[in-house]
Amino acid sequence: MKILITAFDPFGGDKVNPALEAVKKINTDLFNAEIVKLEIPTVFGKSIEKVAAAIEAEKPDVVLCVGQAGGRFEVTPERVAINVDDARIADNEGNQPIDQPIFADGEPAYFSMLPIKAIAQNIRAAGLPSTVSNTAGTFVCNHIMYGVLYHIHKHFPGIRGGFIHVPFIPEQVVTRPNTPAMSSDDITRALEVAVQTIIDTPVDIVAEGGKIH
């Protein structure tokens, strides 16, 4: 099995992106699989183009995208990506699309093809907080999740794809009072559990994981 793992560069004024730092530290020797890591720009359009080119070149079995969700307490595998860009802030090249479809010929939404409930359950079993998330937002994280799943459905059948959000790391919340954070080492460990779960779990478990709101 080959797994392509992507993570964004820093954005929004931060000097680091916890997703990128954690992905860099994933110990690839832990897995009976080939792991390919890819840094991608926090830029609408270009991020999808870079990952699509990597899929074409690497021909992975799985694409796992990872991004930052500042303010969340947990590592959150995402359930769904929606076909809309609605940027509250500009991306790293100043783009700020408002209420724009990502792909005009795409479905209204695409669901994760990864075992999201098993991932959350196994991360919790490892002693770290994790729940399934039902919104990837409308910024570049949702954009890349949707874009990857769009390309899988249109051009790369047989590949599985999905997205995981991770919290801030402590250095990012020094000037953000009362904001949750998780150590980079713990985020890395959670992602390693997620990767192993993806390898071991071709079909997701049936388990409680919904939310009231």
N, C-alpha and C. Protein backbone atom coordinates (compact mmCIF):
# COMPACT_ATOMS: atom_id res chain seq x y z
N MET A 1 0.84 -1.19 0.00
CA MET A 1 0.00 0.00 0.00
C MET A 1 0.88 1.25 0.00
N LYS A 2 0.47 2.25 -0.75
CA LYS A 2 1.14 3.54 -0.75
C LYS A 2 0.16 4.61 -0.29
N ILE A 3 0.58 5.45 0.66
CA ILE A 3 -0.27 6.50 1.21
C ILE A 3 0.41 7.84 0.98
N LEU A 4 -0.28 8.73 0.32
CA LEU A 4 0.16 10.11 0.13
C LEU A 4 -0.43 10.96 1.24
N ILE A 5 0.43 11.60 2.03
CA ILE A 5 -0.03 12.45 3.13
C ILE A 5 0.36 13.89 2.83
N THR A 6 -0.62 14.78 2.80
CA THR A 6 -0.35 16.18 2.50
C THR A 6 -0.60 17.04 3.73
N ALA A 7 0.10 18.17 3.79
CA ALA A 7 -0.12 19.15 4.86
C ALA A 7 0.20 20.54 4.32
N PHE A 8 -0.53 21.53 4.82
CA PHE A 8 -0.39 22.90 4.35
C PHE A 8 0.79 23.63 4.99
N ASP A 9 1.28 24.63 4.28
CA ASP A 9 2.26 25.54 4.87
C ASP A 9 1.53 26.51 5.82
N PRO A 10 2.28 27.29 6.62
CA PRO A 10 1.63 28.22 7.57
C PRO A 10 0.79 29.26 6.84
N PHE A 11 -0.24 29.74 7.52
CA PHE A 11 -1.12 30.74 6.94
C PHE A 11 -1.72 31.61 8.04
N GLY A 12 -2.40 32.67 7.64
CA GLY A 12 -3.12 33.51 8.58
C GLY A 12 -2.24 34.23 9.58
N GLY A 13 -0.98 34.45 9.23
CA GLY A 13 -0.07 35.16 10.11
C GLY A 13 0.72 34.28 11.05
N ASP A 14 0.42 32.99 11.12
CA ASP A 14 1.18 32.07 11.96
C ASP A 14 2.50 31.70 11.30
N LYS A 15 3.52 31.47 12.13
CA LYS A 15 4.83 31.09 11.62
C LYS A 15 4.96 29.59 11.39
N VAL A 16 4.05 28.83 12.00
CA VAL A 16 4.07 27.37 11.84
C VAL A 16 2.67 26.89 11.51
N ASN A 17 2.59 25.72 10.92
CA ASN A 17 1.33 25.03 10.74
C ASN A 17 1.47 23.69 11.46
N PRO A 18 0.66 23.44 12.50
CA PRO A 18 0.83 22.20 13.27
C PRO A 18 0.65 20.95 12.44
N ALA A 19 -0.18 21.02 11.41
CA ALA A 19 -0.37 19.87 10.54
C ALA A 19 0.94 19.51 9.84
N LEU A 20 1.60 20.53 9.29
CA LEU A 20 2.85 20.28 8.57
C LEU A 20 3.94 19.78 9.52
N GLU A 21 4.04 20.40 10.69
CA GLU A 21 5.07 19.97 11.63
C GLU A 21 4.85 18.52 12.06
N ALA A 22 3.60 18.14 12.30
CA ALA A 22 3.31 16.77 12.72
C ALA A 22 3.55 15.77 11.60
N VAL A 23 3.13 16.11 10.40
CA VAL A 23 3.33 15.20 9.27
C VAL A 23 4.81 14.97 9.02
N LYS A 24 5.61 16.02 9.14
CA LYS A 24 7.06 15.86 8.96
C LYS A 24 7.63 14.82 9.92
N LYS A 25 7.07 14.75 11.13
CA LYS A 25 7.62 13.88 12.18
C LYS A 25 7.05 12.47 12.17
N ILE A 26 6.07 12.19 11.32
CA ILE A 26 5.53 10.83 11.27
C ILE A 26 6.65 9.85 10.96
N ASN A 27 6.75 8.81 11.77
CA ASN A 27 7.78 7.78 11.59
C ASN A 27 7.31 6.78 10.55
N THR A 28 7.83 6.88 9.36
CA THR A 28 7.36 6.02 8.27
C THR A 28 7.78 4.57 8.45
N ASP A 29 8.77 4.33 9.34
CA ASP A 29 9.22 2.95 9.57
C ASP A 29 8.20 2.13 10.37
N LEU A 30 7.19 2.78 10.91
CA LEU A 30 6.20 2.08 11.71
C LEU A 30 5.25 1.23 10.86
N PHE A 31 5.19 1.50 9.59
CA PHE A 31 4.11 0.97 8.77
C PHE A 31 4.58 0.00 7.70
N ASN A 32 3.75 -0.99 7.46
CA ASN A 32 3.96 -1.89 6.33
C ASN A 32 3.30 -1.27 5.10
N ALA A 33 3.78 -0.09 4.77
CA ALA A 33 3.23 0.67 3.65
C ALA A 33 4.25 1.74 3.28
N GLU A 34 4.20 2.20 2.04
CA GLU A 34 5.05 3.29 1.61
C GLU A 34 4.34 4.61 1.89
N ILE A 35 5.02 5.51 2.58
CA ILE A 35 4.44 6.79 2.94
C ILE A 35 5.14 7.89 2.16
N VAL A 36 4.37 8.69 1.45
CA VAL A 36 4.89 9.83 0.70
C VAL A 36 4.31 11.09 1.33
N LYS A 37 5.19 12.02 1.73
CA LYS A 37 4.74 13.27 2.37
C LYS A 37 4.85 14.42 1.38
N LEU A 38 3.87 15.32 1.43
CA LEU A 38 3.83 16.43 0.47
C LEU A 38 3.37 17.70 1.16
N GLU A 39 4.19 18.74 1.13
CA GLU A 39 3.78 20.06 1.60
C GLU A 39 3.05 20.77 0.46
N ILE A 40 1.91 21.36 0.79
CA ILE A 40 1.12 22.04 -0.23
C ILE A 40 0.84 23.49 0.20
N PRO A 41 0.62 24.38 -0.76
CA PRO A 41 0.38 25.78 -0.43
C PRO A 41 -1.04 26.02 0.06
N THR A 42 -1.17 26.92 1.00
CA THR A 42 -2.50 27.33 1.46
C THR A 42 -3.04 28.35 0.46
N VAL A 43 -3.37 27.85 -0.70
CA VAL A 43 -3.80 28.69 -1.82
C VAL A 43 -4.90 27.96 -2.57
N PHE A 44 -6.00 28.65 -2.78
CA PHE A 44 -7.09 28.09 -3.57
C PHE A 44 -6.59 27.75 -4.98
N GLY A 45 -7.02 26.64 -5.50
CA GLY A 45 -6.64 26.24 -6.85
C GLY A 45 -5.30 25.55 -6.89
N LYS A 46 -4.24 26.25 -6.51
CA LYS A 46 -2.89 25.68 -6.59
C LYS A 46 -2.73 24.46 -5.70
N SER A 47 -3.39 24.46 -4.55
CA SER A 47 -3.29 23.30 -3.66
C SER A 47 -3.84 22.05 -4.32
N ILE A 48 -4.99 22.18 -4.96
CA ILE A 48 -5.58 21.03 -5.65
C ILE A 48 -4.70 20.59 -6.81
N GLU A 49 -4.18 21.54 -7.56
CA GLU A 49 -3.33 21.21 -8.70
C GLU A 49 -2.10 20.43 -8.25
N LYS A 50 -1.50 20.83 -7.13
CA LYS A 50 -0.29 20.15 -6.67
C LYS A 50 -0.59 18.74 -6.22
N VAL A 51 -1.71 18.55 -5.51
CA VAL A 51 -2.04 17.21 -5.05
C VAL A 51 -2.46 16.32 -6.21
N ALA A 52 -3.22 16.86 -7.15
CA ALA A 52 -3.62 16.07 -8.31
C ALA A 52 -2.40 15.61 -9.10
N ALA A 53 -1.41 16.48 -9.24
CA ALA A 53 -0.18 16.10 -9.94
C ALA A 53 0.57 15.01 -9.17
N ALA A 54 0.56 15.11 -7.84
CA ALA A 54 1.22 14.08 -7.03
C ALA A 54 0.51 12.74 -7.13
N ILE A 55 -0.82 12.77 -7.17
CA ILE A 55 -1.57 11.53 -7.34
C ILE A 55 -1.22 10.88 -8.67
N GLU A 56 -1.15 11.68 -9.71
CA GLU A 56 -0.80 11.17 -11.04
C GLU A 56 0.60 10.56 -11.04
N ALA A 57 1.54 11.22 -10.36
CA ALA A 57 2.92 10.76 -10.36
C ALA A 57 3.15 9.57 -9.43
N GLU A 58 2.55 9.59 -8.25
CA GLU A 58 2.83 8.59 -7.23
C GLU A 58 1.90 7.37 -7.30
N LYS A 59 0.71 7.58 -7.85
CA LYS A 59 -0.30 6.52 -7.92
C LYS A 59 -0.52 5.84 -6.54
N PRO A 60 -0.90 6.65 -5.54
CA PRO A 60 -1.12 6.09 -4.20
C PRO A 60 -2.42 5.30 -4.13
N ASP A 61 -2.52 4.49 -3.11
CA ASP A 61 -3.78 3.81 -2.81
C ASP A 61 -4.69 4.68 -1.95
N VAL A 62 -4.07 5.57 -1.18
CA VAL A 62 -4.81 6.42 -0.25
C VAL A 62 -4.21 7.82 -0.28
N VAL A 63 -5.07 8.83 -0.21
CA VAL A 63 -4.62 10.21 -0.03
C VAL A 63 -5.21 10.72 1.29
N LEU A 64 -4.33 11.08 2.21
CA LEU A 64 -4.74 11.64 3.49
C LEU A 64 -4.25 13.08 3.57
N CYS A 65 -5.17 14.02 3.59
CA CYS A 65 -4.81 15.43 3.73
C CYS A 65 -4.99 15.85 5.18
N VAL A 66 -4.09 16.70 5.67
CA VAL A 66 -4.11 17.12 7.06
C VAL A 66 -4.03 18.64 7.10
N GLY A 67 -4.83 19.25 7.98
CA GLY A 67 -4.83 20.70 8.09
C GLY A 67 -5.09 21.17 9.51
N GLN A 68 -4.89 22.45 9.72
CA GLN A 68 -5.05 23.09 11.02
C GLN A 68 -6.47 23.56 11.22
N ALA A 69 -7.02 23.28 12.40
CA ALA A 69 -8.32 23.84 12.80
C ALA A 69 -8.14 24.50 14.16
N GLY A 70 -7.64 25.71 14.16
CA GLY A 70 -7.41 26.43 15.40
C GLY A 70 -8.70 26.62 16.17
N GLY A 71 -8.65 26.33 17.47
CA GLY A 71 -9.84 26.43 18.32
C GLY A 71 -10.45 25.09 18.65
N ARG A 72 -10.12 24.05 17.90
CA ARG A 72 -10.63 22.72 18.23
C ARG A 72 -9.74 22.07 19.30
N PHE A 73 -10.39 21.29 20.15
CA PHE A 73 -9.69 20.59 21.22
C PHE A 73 -9.12 19.25 20.77
N GLU A 74 -9.66 18.71 19.67
CA GLU A 74 -9.43 17.31 19.32
C GLU A 74 -8.85 17.18 17.92
N VAL A 75 -8.30 16.02 17.65
CA VAL A 75 -7.97 15.62 16.28
C VAL A 75 -9.27 15.13 15.65
N THR A 76 -9.62 15.70 14.51
CA THR A 76 -10.96 15.46 13.97
C THR A 76 -10.93 14.99 12.51
N PRO A 77 -11.07 13.70 12.27
CA PRO A 77 -11.29 13.24 10.89
C PRO A 77 -12.60 13.82 10.36
N GLU A 78 -12.56 14.29 9.13
CA GLU A 78 -13.72 14.97 8.54
C GLU A 78 -14.62 13.99 7.79
N ARG A 79 -15.92 14.18 7.96
CA ARG A 79 -16.89 13.32 7.29
C ARG A 79 -17.18 13.75 5.86
N VAL A 80 -17.23 15.07 5.60
CA VAL A 80 -17.77 15.54 4.33
C VAL A 80 -17.09 16.84 3.90
N ALA A 81 -16.95 17.02 2.58
CA ALA A 81 -16.48 18.27 1.99
C ALA A 81 -17.56 18.80 1.06
N ILE A 82 -17.81 20.10 1.11
CA ILE A 82 -18.87 20.70 0.31
C ILE A 82 -18.29 21.53 -0.83
N ASN A 83 -19.09 21.68 -1.89
CA ASN A 83 -18.63 22.33 -3.12
C ASN A 83 -18.80 23.84 -3.04
N VAL A 84 -18.09 24.46 -2.10
CA VAL A 84 -18.14 25.91 -1.99
C VAL A 84 -16.86 26.43 -1.36
N ASP A 85 -16.35 27.51 -1.93
CA ASP A 85 -15.30 28.32 -1.32
C ASP A 85 -15.95 29.58 -0.78
N ASP A 86 -15.76 29.85 0.51
CA ASP A 86 -16.32 31.05 1.14
C ASP A 86 -15.31 31.49 2.19
N ALA A 87 -14.31 32.24 1.76
CA ALA A 87 -13.14 32.51 2.58
C ALA A 87 -13.35 33.71 3.50
N ARG A 88 -13.24 33.47 4.81
CA ARG A 88 -13.32 34.56 5.78
C ARG A 88 -12.07 35.42 5.74
N ILE A 89 -10.92 34.80 5.42
CA ILE A 89 -9.66 35.51 5.25
C ILE A 89 -9.07 35.15 3.89
N ALA A 90 -8.09 35.93 3.47
CA ALA A 90 -7.43 35.64 2.20
C ALA A 90 -6.45 34.48 2.37
N ASP A 91 -6.22 33.75 1.28
CA ASP A 91 -5.21 32.69 1.31
C ASP A 91 -3.82 33.31 1.21
N ASN A 92 -2.80 32.49 1.06
CA ASN A 92 -1.43 33.00 1.08
C ASN A 92 -1.02 33.77 -0.16
N GLU A 93 -1.89 33.83 -1.15
CA GLU A 93 -1.62 34.67 -2.33
C GLU A 93 -2.67 35.77 -2.49
N GLY A 94 -3.43 36.01 -1.42
CA GLY A 94 -4.38 37.11 -1.43
C GLY A 94 -5.74 36.80 -2.04
N ASN A 95 -5.98 35.54 -2.38
CA ASN A 95 -7.27 35.16 -2.96
C ASN A 95 -8.31 35.02 -1.85
N GLN A 96 -9.51 35.51 -2.10
CA GLN A 96 -10.57 35.39 -1.11
C GLN A 96 -11.91 35.16 -1.81
N PRO A 97 -12.10 33.97 -2.38
CA PRO A 97 -13.37 33.68 -3.06
C PRO A 97 -14.53 33.65 -2.09
N ILE A 98 -15.64 34.17 -2.52
CA ILE A 98 -16.85 34.22 -1.70
C ILE A 98 -17.97 33.49 -2.44
N ASP A 99 -18.53 32.48 -1.82
CA ASP A 99 -19.68 31.75 -2.36
C ASP A 99 -19.45 31.26 -3.79
N GLN A 100 -18.27 30.68 -4.01
CA GLN A 100 -17.92 30.17 -5.33
C GLN A 100 -17.84 28.64 -5.31
N PRO A 101 -18.38 27.97 -6.34
CA PRO A 101 -18.19 26.52 -6.40
C PRO A 101 -16.73 26.18 -6.64
N ILE A 102 -16.30 25.05 -6.09
CA ILE A 102 -14.93 24.60 -6.30
C ILE A 102 -14.78 24.03 -7.70
N PHE A 103 -15.73 23.17 -8.08
CA PHE A 103 -15.80 22.64 -9.44
C PHE A 103 -17.25 22.71 -9.89
N ALA A 104 -17.49 23.38 -11.01
CA ALA A 104 -18.86 23.57 -11.49
C ALA A 104 -19.53 22.25 -11.83
N ASP A 105 -18.74 21.25 -12.24
CA ASP A 105 -19.31 19.96 -12.62
C ASP A 105 -19.21 18.93 -11.48
N GLY A 106 -18.89 19.40 -10.29
CA GLY A 106 -18.77 18.49 -9.16
C GLY A 106 -20.09 18.28 -8.44
N GLU A 107 -20.15 17.26 -7.61
CA GLU A 107 -21.32 17.01 -6.78
C GLU A 107 -21.43 18.09 -5.70
N PRO A 108 -22.62 18.28 -5.12
CA PRO A 108 -22.74 19.26 -4.03
C PRO A 108 -21.80 18.96 -2.86
N ALA A 109 -21.53 17.68 -2.64
CA ALA A 109 -20.62 17.28 -1.57
C ALA A 109 -20.05 15.91 -1.88
N TYR A 110 -18.90 15.63 -1.29
CA TYR A 110 -18.30 14.30 -1.33
C TYR A 110 -17.98 13.87 0.10
N PHE A 111 -18.25 12.61 0.39
CA PHE A 111 -17.98 12.08 1.72
C PHE A 111 -16.60 11.42 1.76
N SER A 112 -15.97 11.49 2.92
CA SER A 112 -14.69 10.83 3.13
C SER A 112 -14.78 9.36 2.76
N MET A 113 -13.70 8.85 2.22
CA MET A 113 -13.61 7.43 1.88
C MET A 113 -12.73 6.68 2.88
N LEU A 114 -12.37 7.36 3.96
CA LEU A 114 -11.52 6.78 4.99
C LEU A 114 -12.35 6.30 6.17
N PRO A 115 -11.80 5.40 7.00
CA PRO A 115 -12.55 4.87 8.15
C PRO A 115 -12.54 5.87 9.31
N ILE A 116 -13.34 6.92 9.17
CA ILE A 116 -13.25 8.06 10.09
C ILE A 116 -13.65 7.69 11.52
N LYS A 117 -14.65 6.83 11.68
CA LYS A 117 -15.05 6.46 13.04
C LYS A 117 -14.02 5.54 13.69
N ALA A 118 -13.45 4.65 12.92
CA ALA A 118 -12.39 3.80 13.46
C ALA A 118 -11.16 4.64 13.82
N ILE A 119 -10.86 5.63 12.98
CA ILE A 119 -9.72 6.51 13.28
C ILE A 119 -9.94 7.22 14.61
N ALA A 120 -11.10 7.85 14.77
CA ALA A 120 -11.37 8.57 16.02
C ALA A 120 -11.34 7.63 17.22
N GLN A 121 -11.94 6.47 17.07
CA GLN A 121 -11.97 5.50 18.17
C GLN A 121 -10.56 5.06 18.55
N ASN A 122 -9.72 4.79 17.57
CA ASN A 122 -8.38 4.30 17.86
C ASN A 122 -7.47 5.40 18.42
N ILE A 123 -7.67 6.63 17.99
CA ILE A 123 -6.91 7.73 18.58
C ILE A 123 -7.29 7.90 20.05
N ARG A 124 -8.57 7.81 20.35
CA ARG A 124 -9.00 7.88 21.76
C ARG A 124 -8.42 6.73 22.57
N ALA A 125 -8.39 5.53 21.98
CA ALA A 125 -7.83 4.37 22.67
C ALA A 125 -6.34 4.57 22.96
N ALA A 126 -5.68 5.41 22.17
CA ALA A 126 -4.27 5.71 22.39
C ALA A 126 -4.08 6.82 23.42
N GLY A 127 -5.19 7.30 23.99
CA GLY A 127 -5.11 8.29 25.05
C GLY A 127 -5.13 9.73 24.59
N LEU A 128 -5.60 9.97 23.37
CA LEU A 128 -5.64 11.32 22.82
C LEU A 128 -7.06 11.65 22.38
N PRO A 129 -7.47 12.92 22.49
CA PRO A 129 -8.85 13.29 22.14
C PRO A 129 -9.09 13.30 20.64
N SER A 130 -10.22 12.72 20.25
CA SER A 130 -10.57 12.69 18.83
C SER A 130 -12.06 12.45 18.67
N THR A 131 -12.67 13.17 17.75
CA THR A 131 -14.06 12.92 17.37
C THR A 131 -14.20 13.14 15.87
N VAL A 132 -15.26 12.60 15.31
CA VAL A 132 -15.59 12.87 13.91
C VAL A 132 -16.15 14.27 13.80
N SER A 133 -15.69 15.01 12.78
CA SER A 133 -16.21 16.35 12.49
C SER A 133 -17.12 16.28 11.27
N ASN A 134 -18.17 17.09 11.31
CA ASN A 134 -19.12 17.12 10.20
C ASN A 134 -19.01 18.38 9.35
N THR A 135 -17.99 19.18 9.59
CA THR A 135 -17.73 20.32 8.72
C THR A 135 -16.24 20.58 8.63
N ALA A 136 -15.75 20.67 7.43
CA ALA A 136 -14.34 21.01 7.20
C ALA A 136 -14.18 22.49 6.93
N GLY A 137 -15.23 23.28 7.22
CA GLY A 137 -15.18 24.72 6.97
C GLY A 137 -15.43 25.04 5.52
N THR A 138 -15.05 26.26 5.13
CA THR A 138 -15.19 26.68 3.73
C THR A 138 -13.93 27.37 3.22
N PHE A 139 -12.81 27.11 3.93
CA PHE A 139 -11.52 27.70 3.52
C PHE A 139 -10.73 26.65 2.72
N VAL A 140 -9.42 26.72 2.73
CA VAL A 140 -8.62 25.88 1.84
C VAL A 140 -8.61 24.42 2.30
N CYS A 141 -8.90 24.15 3.57
CA CYS A 141 -8.97 22.75 4.02
C CYS A 141 -10.14 22.02 3.35
N ASN A 142 -11.32 22.62 3.42
CA ASN A 142 -12.46 22.03 2.71
C ASN A 142 -12.18 21.97 1.21
N HIS A 143 -11.55 23.02 0.70
CA HIS A 143 -11.21 23.11 -0.71
C HIS A 143 -10.36 21.91 -1.17
N ILE A 144 -9.33 21.59 -0.38
CA ILE A 144 -8.46 20.48 -0.79
C ILE A 144 -9.15 19.14 -0.59
N MET A 145 -9.90 18.99 0.49
CA MET A 145 -10.63 17.73 0.68
C MET A 145 -11.60 17.49 -0.47
N TYR A 146 -12.36 18.53 -0.80
CA TYR A 146 -13.31 18.40 -1.91
C TYR A 146 -12.55 18.13 -3.22
N GLY A 147 -11.48 18.88 -3.45
CA GLY A 147 -10.75 18.72 -4.70
C GLY A 147 -10.16 17.34 -4.87
N VAL A 148 -9.61 16.78 -3.80
CA VAL A 148 -9.06 15.43 -3.87
C VAL A 148 -10.16 14.42 -4.17
N LEU A 149 -11.27 14.53 -3.46
CA LEU A 149 -12.35 13.57 -3.68
C LEU A 149 -12.98 13.74 -5.06
N TYR A 150 -13.06 14.98 -5.54
CA TYR A 150 -13.53 15.23 -6.90
C TYR A 150 -12.64 14.51 -7.91
N HIS A 151 -11.33 14.67 -7.79
CA HIS A 151 -10.41 14.04 -8.73
C HIS A 151 -10.44 12.51 -8.61
N ILE A 152 -10.60 12.00 -7.39
CA ILE A 152 -10.72 10.56 -7.23
C ILE A 152 -11.96 10.04 -7.97
N HIS A 153 -13.08 10.72 -7.77
CA HIS A 153 -14.32 10.27 -8.41
C HIS A 153 -14.26 10.43 -9.94
N LYS A 154 -13.60 11.47 -10.41
CA LYS A 154 -13.57 11.74 -11.85
C LYS A 154 -12.45 11.01 -12.59
N HIS A 155 -11.28 10.89 -11.94
CA HIS A 155 -10.09 10.48 -12.67
C HIS A 155 -9.31 9.32 -12.06
N PHE A 156 -9.47 9.07 -10.77
CA PHE A 156 -8.64 8.07 -10.11
C PHE A 156 -9.47 7.06 -9.33
N PRO A 157 -10.32 6.31 -10.00
CA PRO A 157 -11.14 5.34 -9.28
C PRO A 157 -10.27 4.29 -8.59
N GLY A 158 -10.73 3.86 -7.44
CA GLY A 158 -9.99 2.86 -6.69
C GLY A 158 -9.13 3.43 -5.58
N ILE A 159 -8.88 4.74 -5.62
CA ILE A 159 -8.13 5.40 -4.56
C ILE A 159 -9.10 5.83 -3.46
N ARG A 160 -8.66 5.76 -2.22
CA ARG A 160 -9.44 6.31 -1.11
C ARG A 160 -8.84 7.65 -0.69
N GLY A 161 -9.70 8.56 -0.25
CA GLY A 161 -9.20 9.87 0.17
C GLY A 161 -10.00 10.45 1.30
N GLY A 162 -9.38 11.35 2.05
CA GLY A 162 -10.06 12.02 3.14
C GLY A 162 -9.17 13.04 3.81
N PHE A 163 -9.66 13.59 4.92
CA PHE A 163 -9.01 14.74 5.55
C PHE A 163 -9.11 14.63 7.07
N ILE A 164 -8.05 15.09 7.75
CA ILE A 164 -8.04 15.18 9.21
C ILE A 164 -7.61 16.59 9.61
N HIS A 165 -8.37 17.20 10.53
CA HIS A 165 -7.99 18.48 11.12
C HIS A 165 -7.28 18.25 12.46
N VAL A 166 -6.31 19.11 12.76
CA VAL A 166 -5.59 19.02 14.04
C VAL A 166 -5.62 20.39 14.73
N PRO A 167 -5.49 20.40 16.07
CA PRO A 167 -5.53 21.67 16.81
C PRO A 167 -4.24 22.48 16.66
N PHE A 168 -4.28 23.71 17.23
CA PHE A 168 -3.07 24.49 17.39
C PHE A 168 -2.06 23.72 18.24
N ILE A 169 -0.78 24.08 18.12
CA ILE A 169 0.24 23.65 19.06
C ILE A 169 0.48 24.78 20.06
N PRO A 170 1.08 24.50 21.22
CA PRO A 170 1.15 25.50 22.29
C PRO A 170 1.73 26.84 21.89
N GLU A 171 2.78 26.86 21.08
CA GLU A 171 3.38 28.14 20.73
C GLU A 171 2.42 29.06 19.96
N GLN A 172 1.39 28.49 19.37
CA GLN A 172 0.44 29.31 18.62
C GLN A 172 -0.59 29.99 19.51
N VAL A 173 -0.74 29.53 20.74
CA VAL A 173 -1.79 30.08 21.60
C VAL A 173 -1.26 30.99 22.70
N VAL A 174 0.02 31.31 22.64
CA VAL A 174 0.61 32.21 23.64
C VAL A 174 -0.12 33.55 23.65
N THR A 175 -0.49 34.04 22.49
CA THR A 175 -1.22 35.31 22.39
C THR A 175 -2.69 35.10 22.05
N ARG A 176 -3.17 33.87 22.26
CA ARG A 176 -4.58 33.56 22.04
C ARG A 176 -5.14 32.97 23.35
N PRO A 177 -5.48 33.81 24.30
CA PRO A 177 -5.93 33.31 25.62
C PRO A 177 -7.14 32.38 25.51
N ASN A 178 -7.14 31.38 26.38
CA ASN A 178 -8.27 30.44 26.48
C ASN A 178 -8.53 29.67 25.19
N THR A 179 -7.47 29.44 24.43
CA THR A 179 -7.57 28.68 23.18
C THR A 179 -6.90 27.33 23.37
N PRO A 180 -7.56 26.24 23.00
CA PRO A 180 -6.97 24.91 23.19
C PRO A 180 -5.77 24.67 22.30
N ALA A 181 -4.90 23.79 22.77
CA ALA A 181 -3.72 23.40 21.99
C ALA A 181 -3.36 21.96 22.34
N MET A 182 -2.60 21.34 21.46
CA MET A 182 -2.11 19.98 21.66
C MET A 182 -0.64 19.96 21.24
N SER A 183 0.18 19.21 21.95
CA SER A 183 1.60 19.17 21.59
C SER A 183 1.79 18.57 20.20
N SER A 184 2.84 19.01 19.55
CA SER A 184 3.15 18.49 18.22
C SER A 184 3.41 16.99 18.27
N ASP A 185 4.06 16.53 19.34
CA ASP A 185 4.32 15.09 19.47
C ASP A 185 3.02 14.30 19.57
N ASP A 186 2.04 14.83 20.31
CA ASP A 186 0.75 14.14 20.43
C ASP A 186 -0.01 14.15 19.11
N ILE A 187 0.06 15.25 18.39
CA ILE A 187 -0.59 15.30 17.08
C ILE A 187 0.05 14.28 16.14
N THR A 188 1.38 14.20 16.17
CA THR A 188 2.06 13.21 15.34
C THR A 188 1.62 11.81 15.70
N ARG A 189 1.56 11.52 16.99
CA ARG A 189 1.14 10.19 17.42
C ARG A 189 -0.29 9.90 16.95
N ALA A 190 -1.17 10.87 17.06
CA ALA A 190 -2.54 10.67 16.60
C ALA A 190 -2.57 10.38 15.10
N LEU A 191 -1.76 11.07 14.33
CA LEU A 191 -1.72 10.83 12.89
C LEU A 191 -1.13 9.46 12.58
N GLU A 192 -0.16 9.03 13.36
CA GLU A 192 0.38 7.68 13.16
C GLU A 192 -0.67 6.62 13.43
N VAL A 193 -1.49 6.83 14.46
CA VAL A 193 -2.60 5.92 14.73
C VAL A 193 -3.58 5.94 13.56
N ALA A 194 -3.85 7.13 13.04
CA ALA A 194 -4.77 7.25 11.91
C ALA A 194 -4.26 6.49 10.69
N VAL A 195 -2.97 6.63 10.40
CA VAL A 195 -2.40 5.93 9.25
C VAL A 195 -2.50 4.42 9.43
N GLN A 196 -2.17 3.93 10.62
CA GLN A 196 -2.27 2.49 10.85
C GLN A 196 -3.71 2.01 10.72
N THR A 197 -4.64 2.83 11.19
CA THR A 197 -6.06 2.47 11.07
C THR A 197 -6.48 2.40 9.61
N ILE A 198 -6.01 3.33 8.81
CA ILE A 198 -6.32 3.31 7.38
C ILE A 198 -5.79 2.03 6.74
N ILE A 199 -4.60 1.63 7.12
CA ILE A 199 -4.01 0.40 6.58
C ILE A 199 -4.82 -0.82 6.99
N ASP A 200 -5.26 -0.84 8.23
CA ASP A 200 -5.93 -2.02 8.79
C ASP A 200 -7.43 -2.09 8.52
N THR A 201 -8.03 -0.97 8.08
CA THR A 201 -9.50 -0.87 8.08
C THR A 201 -10.01 -0.41 6.72
N PRO A 202 -10.21 -1.32 5.78
CA PRO A 202 -10.71 -0.91 4.46
C PRO A 202 -12.16 -0.44 4.49
N VAL A 203 -12.94 -0.94 5.46
CA VAL A 203 -14.34 -0.53 5.62
C VAL A 203 -14.53 -0.03 7.03
N ASP A 204 -15.14 1.14 7.18
CA ASP A 204 -15.27 1.76 8.49
C ASP A 204 -16.16 0.94 9.41
N ILE A 205 -15.94 1.11 10.71
CA ILE A 205 -16.77 0.47 11.71
C ILE A 205 -18.11 1.18 11.82
N VAL A 206 -19.09 0.50 12.38
CA VAL A 206 -20.38 1.13 12.71
C VAL A 206 -20.31 1.46 14.20
N ALA A 207 -20.31 2.74 14.52
CA ALA A 207 -20.18 3.18 15.91
C ALA A 207 -20.81 4.55 16.05
N GLU A 208 -21.28 4.83 17.25
CA GLU A 208 -21.83 6.16 17.54
C GLU A 208 -20.75 7.20 17.33
N GLY A 209 -21.12 8.28 16.64
CA GLY A 209 -20.14 9.32 16.39
C GLY A 209 -20.75 10.60 15.89
N GLY A 210 -22.09 10.65 15.94
CA GLY A 210 -22.79 11.85 15.49
C GLY A 210 -22.83 12.92 16.54
N LYS A 211 -23.36 14.08 16.16
CA LYS A 211 -23.47 15.21 17.07
C LYS A 211 -24.85 15.85 16.93
N ILE A 212 -25.30 16.46 18.00
CA ILE A 212 -26.60 17.12 17.97
C ILE A 212 -26.51 18.43 17.20
N HIS A 213 -25.36 19.12 17.30
CA HIS A 213 -25.19 20.38 16.57
C HIS A 213 -23.74 20.57 16.22
